[in-house]
N, C-alpha and C. Protein backbone atom coordinates (compact mmCIF):
# COMPACT_ATOMS: atom_id res chain seq x y z
N LYS A 1 121.59 119.14 108.25
CA LYS A 1 121.02 118.62 109.44
C LYS A 1 119.58 118.09 109.17
N TYR A 2 119.19 116.80 109.70
CA TYR A 2 117.78 116.28 109.37
C TYR A 2 116.82 116.93 109.87
N VAL A 3 115.62 117.41 109.19
CA VAL A 3 114.69 118.07 109.54
C VAL A 3 113.59 116.95 109.91
N ALA A 4 113.54 115.67 109.27
CA ALA A 4 112.78 114.65 109.15
C ALA A 4 113.35 113.39 109.00
N ASP A 5 113.47 112.41 109.74
CA ASP A 5 113.95 111.29 109.49
C ASP A 5 113.37 109.88 109.95
N LEU A 6 113.30 109.05 108.92
CA LEU A 6 112.62 107.76 109.26
C LEU A 6 113.60 106.78 110.13
N GLY A 7 114.86 107.03 110.08
CA GLY A 7 115.79 106.13 110.97
C GLY A 7 116.38 105.03 110.21
N PHE A 8 115.85 104.83 109.20
CA PHE A 8 116.42 103.94 107.76
C PHE A 8 118.17 104.31 107.73
N ARG A 9 119.01 103.66 107.63
CA ARG A 9 120.51 104.04 107.04
C ARG A 9 120.83 102.97 106.22
N PRO A 10 121.05 103.38 105.12
CA PRO A 10 121.64 102.51 103.86
C PRO A 10 122.64 101.57 104.29
N ALA A 11 123.60 101.75 105.38
CA ALA A 11 124.92 101.09 105.39
C ALA A 11 124.41 99.82 106.33
N VAL A 12 123.02 99.97 107.05
CA VAL A 12 122.55 98.71 107.65
C VAL A 12 121.24 98.12 106.91
N ASN A 13 120.35 99.04 106.67
CA ASN A 13 119.10 98.78 106.36
C ASN A 13 118.83 98.71 104.62
N GLY A 14 119.96 99.42 104.02
CA GLY A 14 119.89 99.15 102.55
C GLY A 14 120.81 97.71 102.03
N PHE A 15 120.66 97.46 100.74
CA PHE A 15 121.19 96.47 100.22
C PHE A 15 122.65 96.54 100.04
N ASN A 16 123.45 95.75 100.10
CA ASN A 16 124.87 96.09 99.86
C ASN A 16 125.29 95.74 98.46
N VAL A 17 124.50 95.96 97.51
CA VAL A 17 124.75 95.41 96.05
C VAL A 17 124.05 96.29 95.09
N PRO A 18 124.70 96.47 94.11
CA PRO A 18 124.24 97.46 93.11
C PRO A 18 122.74 96.79 92.26
N ASN A 19 122.30 97.85 91.92
CA ASN A 19 120.74 97.23 91.07
C ASN A 19 121.45 96.42 89.87
N TYR A 20 120.48 95.52 89.66
CA TYR A 20 120.90 94.66 88.66
C TYR A 20 119.80 94.43 87.62
N GLY A 21 120.03 93.77 86.21
CA GLY A 21 118.90 93.71 85.32
C GLY A 21 118.95 92.16 85.18
N SER A 22 119.39 91.34 84.23
CA SER A 22 119.28 90.10 83.86
C SER A 22 120.47 89.20 84.47
N THR A 23 121.41 89.83 84.84
CA THR A 23 122.56 89.42 85.55
C THR A 23 123.05 90.16 86.71
N LEU A 24 124.03 89.27 87.54
CA LEU A 24 124.37 89.91 88.45
C LEU A 24 125.67 90.48 88.31
N ALA A 25 126.42 91.46 89.23
CA ALA A 25 127.48 91.92 88.70
C ALA A 25 128.57 91.08 88.29
N ASP A 26 128.36 89.83 88.89
CA ASP A 26 129.52 88.88 88.47
C ASP A 26 129.31 88.07 87.29
N GLY A 27 128.21 88.56 86.63
CA GLY A 27 127.46 87.69 85.47
C GLY A 27 126.83 86.57 85.53
N SER A 28 126.37 86.23 86.77
CA SER A 28 125.68 85.04 87.08
C SER A 28 124.08 85.53 86.73
N ALA A 29 123.19 84.59 86.36
CA ALA A 29 122.01 84.92 85.59
C ALA A 29 121.22 85.12 87.19
N VAL A 30 120.01 85.65 86.88
CA VAL A 30 119.28 86.26 88.12
C VAL A 30 118.00 85.23 87.87
N THR A 31 117.41 84.87 88.78
CA THR A 31 116.13 84.59 88.82
C THR A 31 114.97 85.39 89.39
N ASN A 32 113.95 85.43 88.26
CA ASN A 32 113.00 86.31 88.78
C ASN A 32 111.52 85.71 89.08
N MET A 33 110.45 86.18 88.93
CA MET A 33 109.34 85.55 89.43
C MET A 33 109.13 84.40 88.71
N THR A 34 108.50 83.18 89.91
CA THR A 34 108.30 82.13 89.55
C THR A 34 106.40 82.01 89.50
N PRO A 35 106.16 80.52 89.20
CA PRO A 35 104.64 80.74 89.44
C PRO A 35 104.20 80.89 90.95
N ALA A 36 105.25 80.57 91.78
CA ALA A 36 105.00 80.82 93.35
C ALA A 36 104.85 82.18 93.67
N GLU A 37 105.55 83.09 92.98
CA GLU A 37 105.22 84.31 93.27
C GLU A 37 103.99 84.93 92.51
N MET A 38 103.82 84.54 91.48
CA MET A 38 102.50 84.87 90.73
C MET A 38 101.45 84.57 91.71
N ARG A 39 101.30 83.29 92.24
CA ARG A 39 100.15 82.63 93.14
C ARG A 39 100.43 83.80 94.53
N ARG A 40 101.43 84.08 94.87
CA ARG A 40 101.11 85.06 96.17
C ARG A 40 100.65 86.23 95.85
N LEU A 41 100.88 86.87 94.55
CA LEU A 41 100.31 88.17 94.07
C LEU A 41 98.96 87.99 93.65
N PHE A 42 98.26 87.40 93.00
CA PHE A 42 97.20 87.04 92.45
C PHE A 42 96.36 86.16 92.93
N GLY A 43 96.81 85.09 93.73
CA GLY A 43 96.06 83.91 94.30
C GLY A 43 96.02 82.99 93.23
N ASP A 44 95.04 81.80 93.94
CA ASP A 44 95.01 80.82 93.00
C ASP A 44 93.96 80.65 91.59
N ARG A 45 93.71 81.93 91.38
CA ARG A 45 93.07 82.56 90.19
C ARG A 45 93.99 82.08 88.73
N VAL A 46 95.48 82.25 89.43
CA VAL A 46 96.30 82.20 88.00
C VAL A 46 96.77 80.81 87.49
N CYS A 47 96.41 80.01 88.35
CA CYS A 47 96.89 78.50 88.44
C CYS A 47 95.81 77.53 87.46
N ALA A 48 96.12 76.88 86.48
CA ALA A 48 95.47 76.30 85.61
C ALA A 48 95.01 75.07 86.55
N SER A 49 96.21 74.54 87.47
CA SER A 49 96.06 73.43 88.29
C SER A 49 97.07 73.61 89.24
N VAL A 50 96.94 72.67 90.26
CA VAL A 50 97.86 72.64 91.58
C VAL A 50 98.29 71.52 91.78
N ALA A 51 99.60 71.04 91.63
CA ALA A 51 99.70 69.64 91.95
C ALA A 51 101.04 69.58 92.57
N ASP A 52 100.85 68.82 93.74
CA ASP A 52 101.63 68.68 95.09
C ASP A 52 102.07 70.06 95.41
N GLY A 53 101.22 70.96 95.51
CA GLY A 53 101.29 72.32 96.02
C GLY A 53 101.88 73.40 95.17
N ARG A 54 102.21 72.81 93.72
CA ARG A 54 102.98 73.53 92.88
C ARG A 54 101.92 74.26 91.84
N CYS A 55 102.02 75.56 91.88
CA CYS A 55 100.90 76.11 90.59
C CYS A 55 101.56 75.99 89.40
N HIS A 56 100.61 75.47 88.52
CA HIS A 56 100.96 75.38 86.79
C HIS A 56 99.94 76.44 86.68
N LEU A 57 100.67 77.67 85.71
CA LEU A 57 100.06 78.87 85.47
C LEU A 57 99.17 78.83 84.38
N THR A 58 97.84 79.44 84.08
CA THR A 58 97.37 79.66 82.96
C THR A 58 98.03 80.26 81.91
N PRO A 59 97.69 80.24 80.70
CA PRO A 59 98.51 80.69 79.72
C PRO A 59 98.57 82.16 79.98
N PRO A 60 97.20 83.06 80.13
CA PRO A 60 97.62 84.50 80.24
C PRO A 60 98.38 84.70 81.51
N ALA A 61 98.49 84.25 82.59
CA ALA A 61 99.28 84.28 83.49
C ALA A 61 101.03 84.04 83.36
N GLN A 62 101.13 83.12 82.84
CA GLN A 62 102.32 82.40 82.10
C GLN A 62 102.89 83.62 81.27
N LYS A 63 102.05 84.09 80.36
CA LYS A 63 102.40 85.51 79.47
C LYS A 63 102.90 86.67 79.92
N TRP A 64 101.81 86.67 81.12
CA TRP A 64 101.95 88.24 82.13
C TRP A 64 103.35 87.92 83.09
N MET A 65 103.49 86.95 83.44
CA MET A 65 104.74 86.89 83.94
C MET A 65 106.26 86.67 83.47
N GLU A 66 106.11 85.95 82.11
CA GLU A 66 107.13 86.59 81.27
C GLU A 66 107.41 87.87 80.57
N ALA A 67 106.31 88.45 80.71
CA ALA A 67 106.48 89.89 80.21
C ALA A 67 107.03 90.85 80.91
N THR A 68 106.49 90.52 82.55
CA THR A 68 106.99 91.36 83.35
C THR A 68 108.23 91.05 83.89
N ASN A 69 108.77 89.68 83.88
CA ASN A 69 110.25 89.40 84.15
C ASN A 69 110.79 89.96 83.10
N LYS A 70 110.73 90.06 81.92
CA LYS A 70 111.42 90.78 80.82
C LYS A 70 111.79 92.26 81.21
N GLU A 71 110.68 92.81 81.83
CA GLU A 71 110.59 94.32 81.96
C GLU A 71 111.97 94.77 82.95
N MET A 72 112.13 93.49 83.69
CA MET A 72 113.17 93.87 85.10
C MET A 72 114.58 93.74 84.38
N THR A 73 115.03 93.58 83.17
CA THR A 73 115.98 93.59 82.61
C THR A 73 116.70 95.05 82.70
N GLY A 74 115.85 96.10 82.72
CA GLY A 74 116.15 97.54 82.99
C GLY A 74 116.64 97.54 84.23
N GLY A 75 116.39 96.64 85.25
CA GLY A 75 116.59 97.15 86.71
C GLY A 75 115.56 96.80 87.63
N HIS A 76 115.89 96.26 88.79
CA HIS A 76 115.05 95.84 89.83
C HIS A 76 115.07 96.98 90.95
N CYS A 77 115.28 98.22 90.68
CA CYS A 77 115.36 99.24 91.89
C CYS A 77 113.95 99.28 92.54
N GLU A 78 112.78 99.12 91.88
CA GLU A 78 111.69 99.25 92.83
C GLU A 78 111.59 97.95 93.91
N GLY A 79 112.02 96.74 93.25
CA GLY A 79 111.81 95.79 94.38
C GLY A 79 112.88 96.12 95.62
N PHE A 80 114.23 96.37 94.99
CA PHE A 80 115.00 97.07 96.39
C PHE A 80 114.72 97.77 97.12
N ALA A 81 113.85 98.93 96.52
CA ALA A 81 113.33 99.87 97.52
C ALA A 81 112.25 99.38 98.31
N ALA A 82 111.35 98.55 97.64
CA ALA A 82 110.47 98.34 98.74
C ALA A 82 110.76 97.23 99.58
N LEU A 83 111.59 96.23 99.10
CA LEU A 83 111.88 95.03 99.86
C LEU A 83 112.59 95.67 101.30
N SER A 84 113.66 96.34 100.83
CA SER A 84 114.55 96.73 101.96
C SER A 84 113.43 97.80 102.94
N LEU A 85 112.29 98.68 102.55
CA LEU A 85 111.45 99.26 103.54
C LEU A 85 110.74 98.18 104.54
N LEU A 86 110.47 97.28 103.78
CA LEU A 86 109.42 96.05 104.36
C LEU A 86 110.36 95.41 105.41
N PHE A 87 111.43 95.29 105.18
CA PHE A 87 112.44 94.62 106.06
C PHE A 87 112.78 95.37 107.12
N TYR A 88 113.01 96.71 106.76
CA TYR A 88 113.24 98.03 108.06
C TYR A 88 111.86 98.22 108.81
N THR A 89 110.61 97.77 108.23
CA THR A 89 109.44 98.34 109.02
C THR A 89 109.01 97.05 109.84
N GLY A 90 109.61 95.79 109.62
CA GLY A 90 109.19 94.83 110.18
C GLY A 90 108.23 93.89 109.64
N GLN A 91 108.04 94.24 108.55
CA GLN A 91 106.88 93.27 108.05
C GLN A 91 107.24 92.10 107.12
N LEU A 92 108.64 92.02 107.01
CA LEU A 92 109.23 90.79 106.55
C LEU A 92 110.65 90.62 107.42
N LYS A 93 111.27 89.43 107.42
CA LYS A 93 112.63 89.37 108.42
C LYS A 93 113.56 89.13 107.27
N THR A 94 114.55 89.82 107.60
CA THR A 94 115.81 89.44 107.02
C THR A 94 116.54 88.06 107.04
N THR A 95 116.09 87.49 108.21
CA THR A 95 116.69 86.27 108.96
C THR A 95 116.03 85.36 107.76
N ASP A 96 114.89 85.47 107.26
CA ASP A 96 113.92 84.20 106.61
C ASP A 96 114.99 84.34 105.18
N PHE A 97 115.65 85.33 105.16
CA PHE A 97 116.48 85.19 103.41
C PHE A 97 118.20 85.15 104.00
N GLY A 98 118.76 84.54 104.89
CA GLY A 98 119.86 84.50 105.20
C GLY A 98 120.89 85.67 105.63
N GLY A 99 120.22 86.44 106.46
CA GLY A 99 121.11 87.61 106.94
C GLY A 99 120.51 88.49 108.11
N ALA A 100 121.33 88.74 108.59
CA ALA A 100 121.26 89.76 110.21
C ALA A 100 120.26 90.99 109.66
N ASN A 101 120.50 91.53 108.55
CA ASN A 101 119.81 92.92 107.84
C ASN A 101 120.10 92.64 106.49
N ALA A 102 119.50 93.68 106.00
CA ALA A 102 119.32 93.64 104.45
C ALA A 102 120.89 93.84 103.84
N HIS A 103 121.71 94.62 104.34
CA HIS A 103 122.97 94.63 103.92
C HIS A 103 123.69 93.74 104.13
N ALA A 104 123.50 92.73 104.77
CA ALA A 104 124.31 91.34 105.12
C ALA A 104 123.60 90.21 104.21
N LEU A 105 122.56 90.58 103.49
CA LEU A 105 122.06 89.40 102.71
C LEU A 105 122.76 89.01 101.52
N PRO A 106 123.24 87.85 101.46
CA PRO A 106 123.96 87.39 99.86
C PRO A 106 123.07 87.64 98.95
N LEU A 107 123.32 88.21 97.67
CA LEU A 107 122.37 88.34 96.63
C LEU A 107 122.39 87.04 95.60
N ARG A 108 123.40 86.19 95.67
CA ARG A 108 123.32 84.90 95.10
C ARG A 108 122.76 84.12 96.14
N ASN A 109 121.37 84.38 95.88
CA ASN A 109 120.40 83.62 96.83
C ASN A 109 118.86 83.65 95.80
N GLU A 110 118.81 82.58 95.39
CA GLU A 110 117.48 82.66 94.49
C GLU A 110 116.09 83.13 94.98
N ARG A 111 115.97 82.66 96.73
CA ARG A 111 115.00 83.17 97.22
C ARG A 111 114.89 84.74 97.40
N LEU A 112 115.79 85.54 97.63
CA LEU A 112 115.97 86.58 97.74
C LEU A 112 115.86 87.12 96.45
N GLN A 113 116.33 86.81 95.55
CA GLN A 113 116.04 87.53 94.13
C GLN A 113 114.64 87.28 93.46
N ARG A 114 113.82 86.13 93.83
CA ARG A 114 112.25 86.10 93.40
C ARG A 114 111.73 86.91 94.40
N GLU A 115 112.09 87.24 95.57
CA GLU A 115 111.26 88.37 96.47
C GLU A 115 111.17 89.81 95.96
N ILE A 116 112.69 90.10 95.57
CA ILE A 116 113.15 91.62 94.99
C ILE A 116 111.90 91.50 93.64
N ALA A 117 112.08 90.69 92.78
CA ALA A 117 111.12 90.71 91.55
C ALA A 117 109.85 90.79 91.82
N LEU A 118 109.35 89.96 92.91
CA LEU A 118 108.04 89.98 93.41
C LEU A 118 107.57 91.57 93.85
N TRP A 119 108.19 92.27 94.66
CA TRP A 119 108.14 93.37 94.97
C TRP A 119 108.36 94.54 93.83
N TRP A 120 109.38 94.30 92.77
CA TRP A 120 109.26 95.16 91.59
C TRP A 120 107.93 95.16 91.09
N ALA A 121 107.35 93.88 90.58
CA ALA A 121 106.24 93.76 89.96
C ALA A 121 104.86 94.38 90.50
N THR A 122 105.03 94.77 91.87
CA THR A 122 103.77 95.29 92.57
C THR A 122 103.63 96.56 91.94
N GLN A 123 104.54 97.29 91.31
CA GLN A 123 104.31 98.45 90.76
C GLN A 123 103.33 98.54 89.48
N ALA A 124 103.26 97.10 88.88
CA ALA A 124 102.63 97.00 87.65
C ALA A 124 100.97 96.40 88.05
N VAL A 125 100.74 96.48 89.33
CA VAL A 125 99.47 95.75 89.60
C VAL A 125 98.65 96.95 90.71
N ASN A 126 97.28 96.71 90.65
CA ASN A 126 96.55 97.72 91.67
C ASN A 126 96.84 97.00 92.99
N PRO A 127 97.00 98.09 94.33
CA PRO A 127 96.59 99.52 93.91
C PRO A 127 97.44 100.48 93.39
N THR A 128 98.90 100.06 93.28
CA THR A 128 100.00 100.75 92.85
C THR A 128 99.97 101.57 91.55
N ALA A 129 99.44 100.55 90.38
CA ALA A 129 99.27 100.84 89.12
C ALA A 129 98.06 101.62 88.93
N ASN A 130 97.00 101.77 89.73
CA ASN A 130 96.12 102.93 89.76
C ASN A 130 96.44 104.23 89.50
N PRO A 131 96.03 104.98 88.81
CA PRO A 131 96.32 106.29 88.77
C PRO A 131 95.69 107.13 89.81
N GLY A 132 94.97 106.62 90.59
CA GLY A 132 94.32 107.31 91.75
C GLY A 132 95.09 107.21 93.00
N THR A 133 96.02 105.89 92.81
CA THR A 133 96.85 105.78 94.07
C THR A 133 98.36 106.30 93.97
N THR A 134 98.65 106.69 92.79
CA THR A 134 100.04 106.89 92.15
C THR A 134 99.76 108.74 92.61
N ARG A 135 100.84 109.39 93.00
CA ARG A 135 100.92 111.01 93.10
C ARG A 135 102.01 111.21 92.38
N ARG A 136 101.49 112.14 91.45
CA ARG A 136 102.55 113.03 90.82
C ARG A 136 102.53 114.21 91.45
N MET A 137 103.67 114.93 91.93
CA MET A 137 103.80 115.96 92.64
C MET A 137 105.50 116.71 92.47
N GLY A 138 105.09 118.06 92.85
CA GLY A 138 106.47 118.88 92.58
C GLY A 138 107.26 118.59 93.88
N PRO A 139 108.63 119.34 93.52
CA PRO A 139 109.64 118.94 94.73
C PRO A 139 108.85 119.30 95.95
N ASN A 140 108.36 120.40 95.94
CA ASN A 140 108.06 121.17 97.52
C ASN A 140 106.87 120.09 97.71
N GLN A 141 105.79 119.55 97.16
CA GLN A 141 104.94 118.55 97.56
C GLN A 141 105.52 117.30 98.03
N VAL A 142 106.54 116.75 97.53
CA VAL A 142 107.39 115.67 97.90
C VAL A 142 107.93 116.08 99.22
N VAL A 143 108.56 117.09 99.34
CA VAL A 143 109.52 117.31 100.40
C VAL A 143 108.09 117.38 101.76
N ASP A 144 107.29 118.02 101.43
CA ASP A 144 106.02 118.06 102.73
C ASP A 144 105.32 116.76 102.98
N ALA A 145 105.05 115.87 102.11
CA ALA A 145 104.62 114.77 101.92
C ALA A 145 105.55 113.94 102.97
N LEU A 146 106.74 113.74 102.42
CA LEU A 146 107.85 112.90 102.98
C LEU A 146 108.17 113.64 104.49
N THR A 147 108.31 114.84 104.92
CA THR A 147 108.45 115.29 106.08
C THR A 147 107.48 114.92 107.11
N ALA A 148 106.18 115.00 106.73
CA ALA A 148 105.19 114.32 107.26
C ALA A 148 105.23 112.89 107.77
N ALA A 149 105.33 112.03 106.54
CA ALA A 149 105.65 110.65 106.69
C ALA A 149 106.85 110.44 107.70
N PHE A 150 107.80 111.07 107.45
CA PHE A 150 109.06 110.39 108.38
C PHE A 150 108.75 110.94 110.14
N LYS A 151 108.13 111.98 110.02
CA LYS A 151 107.92 112.33 111.65
C LYS A 151 107.00 111.37 112.30
N ALA A 152 106.08 110.94 111.41
CA ALA A 152 104.96 109.80 111.88
C ALA A 152 105.98 108.46 112.23
N GLY A 153 106.95 108.41 111.58
CA GLY A 153 107.79 107.03 112.07
C GLY A 153 107.21 105.90 110.97
N VAL A 154 107.53 104.58 111.21
CA VAL A 154 107.32 103.54 110.52
C VAL A 154 105.90 102.78 110.92
N SER A 155 105.33 103.29 111.70
CA SER A 155 104.01 103.10 111.82
C SER A 155 102.92 103.98 111.05
N GLY A 156 103.49 105.26 110.56
CA GLY A 156 102.55 105.72 109.49
C GLY A 156 103.02 105.36 107.87
N GLU A 157 102.51 106.34 107.16
CA GLU A 157 102.75 106.01 105.73
C GLU A 157 104.18 105.98 105.30
N THR A 158 104.40 104.80 104.50
CA THR A 158 105.70 104.93 103.69
C THR A 158 105.77 105.13 102.52
N TYR A 159 107.18 105.38 101.99
CA TYR A 159 107.04 105.52 100.38
C TYR A 159 108.32 104.85 99.97
N THR A 160 108.28 104.59 98.44
CA THR A 160 109.24 104.43 97.66
C THR A 160 109.06 105.69 96.71
N LEU A 161 110.03 106.17 96.10
CA LEU A 161 109.83 107.19 95.38
C LEU A 161 110.17 106.96 93.64
N GLY A 162 109.66 107.21 92.91
CA GLY A 162 109.85 107.18 91.41
C GLY A 162 110.33 108.14 90.84
N ILE A 163 111.33 108.45 90.14
CA ILE A 163 111.84 109.56 89.62
C ILE A 163 111.67 109.23 87.97
N TYR A 164 111.40 110.20 87.18
CA TYR A 164 110.99 109.56 85.54
C TYR A 164 111.04 110.89 84.76
N GLN A 165 111.45 110.54 83.51
CA GLN A 165 111.62 111.94 82.62
C GLN A 165 110.00 112.42 82.36
N ARG A 166 110.14 113.59 81.86
CA ARG A 166 108.98 114.40 81.86
C ARG A 166 108.15 113.60 81.08
N SER A 167 108.39 112.62 79.96
CA SER A 167 107.57 111.61 79.25
C SER A 167 106.78 110.50 79.89
N GLY A 168 107.41 110.37 81.21
CA GLY A 168 106.92 109.20 81.93
C GLY A 168 108.08 107.93 81.44
N GLU A 169 109.04 107.83 81.27
CA GLU A 169 109.78 107.03 80.91
C GLU A 169 111.12 107.17 81.57
N GLY A 170 111.92 105.99 81.40
CA GLY A 170 113.56 106.31 81.82
C GLY A 170 112.99 106.44 83.59
N GLY A 171 112.29 105.67 84.18
CA GLY A 171 112.38 105.86 85.63
C GLY A 171 113.29 105.26 86.40
N HIS A 172 113.40 105.65 87.78
CA HIS A 172 114.24 104.92 88.64
C HIS A 172 113.67 104.98 90.14
N ALA A 173 113.64 103.79 90.82
CA ALA A 173 112.97 103.82 92.03
C ALA A 173 113.99 104.16 93.43
N ILE A 174 113.77 104.70 94.21
CA ILE A 174 114.47 104.93 95.37
C ILE A 174 113.53 104.78 96.77
N LEU A 175 114.65 104.62 97.80
CA LEU A 175 113.70 104.73 98.97
C LEU A 175 114.38 106.15 99.59
N PRO A 176 113.67 106.98 100.07
CA PRO A 176 113.74 108.20 100.62
C PRO A 176 113.44 107.73 102.23
N TYR A 177 114.58 108.46 102.97
CA TYR A 177 114.55 108.02 104.46
C TYR A 177 114.64 109.27 105.22
N ALA A 178 115.11 110.54 104.82
CA ALA A 178 115.47 111.61 105.56
C ALA A 178 115.01 113.02 104.82
N ILE A 179 115.09 114.08 105.40
CA ILE A 179 115.13 115.36 104.74
C ILE A 179 116.06 116.03 105.44
N GLU A 180 117.12 116.72 104.72
CA GLU A 180 118.05 117.35 105.23
C GLU A 180 118.20 118.69 104.46
N GLU A 181 118.09 119.53 105.63
CA GLU A 181 118.23 121.40 105.01
C GLU A 181 119.51 121.67 104.74
N ARG A 182 120.01 121.97 103.87
CA ARG A 182 120.96 122.18 103.53
C ARG A 182 121.50 124.07 103.23
N GLY A 183 120.51 124.79 103.77
CA GLY A 183 120.61 126.29 103.72
C GLY A 183 120.24 126.84 102.32
N ASN A 184 120.02 128.03 102.38
CA ASN A 184 119.68 129.12 101.09
C ASN A 184 118.35 128.41 100.62
N ASN A 185 117.39 127.90 101.06
CA ASN A 185 116.17 127.11 100.65
C ASN A 185 116.51 125.81 100.01
N ILE A 186 117.47 125.26 100.39
CA ILE A 186 117.66 123.95 99.45
C ILE A 186 117.79 122.68 100.56
N VAL A 187 116.75 121.88 99.96
CA VAL A 187 116.36 120.73 101.00
C VAL A 187 116.96 119.47 99.93
N TRP A 188 117.69 118.45 100.77
CA TRP A 188 117.92 117.28 100.14
C TRP A 188 117.07 116.16 100.62
N ILE A 189 116.59 115.34 99.93
CA ILE A 189 116.01 113.84 100.27
C ILE A 189 116.84 112.77 100.16
């Protein structure tokens, strides 16, 4: 029984594709961030010049984009989690990317791949990368925070959840959407 529920349902609101690194499941190459996403993320200051509305990155910006895109070869989980939440809360529209909902979106869609990459990259910049905004919590604290957030609904605080090894490496991001009581003091997120 759900004791707190955001209302998100993976079969409709989640993506219908597996996490990917540098290629899709069918072996086709992925397009990650381009100068356009860098400009959205950081503004015009990353552009050495703008010609015909196109940003030509400064050398440091180009280097950062390449390094960040390379880090995505381990997976795009944070991008999937963040973007599906943005779609669910109405901050972005799935129809702008070719589908009625996140589950219906075709992944062989460069614009969507670039958007997933952009939202993956947000974990590497402030405010997300700022240790003051990242919360390290024990399991009970996570359950309490998520329960309160889910009860507030989509107009309240929303979360993606990063799970890491004790060393801080080997992480995976997910989108928590409900708290379920399983009995005997066992709770599932």
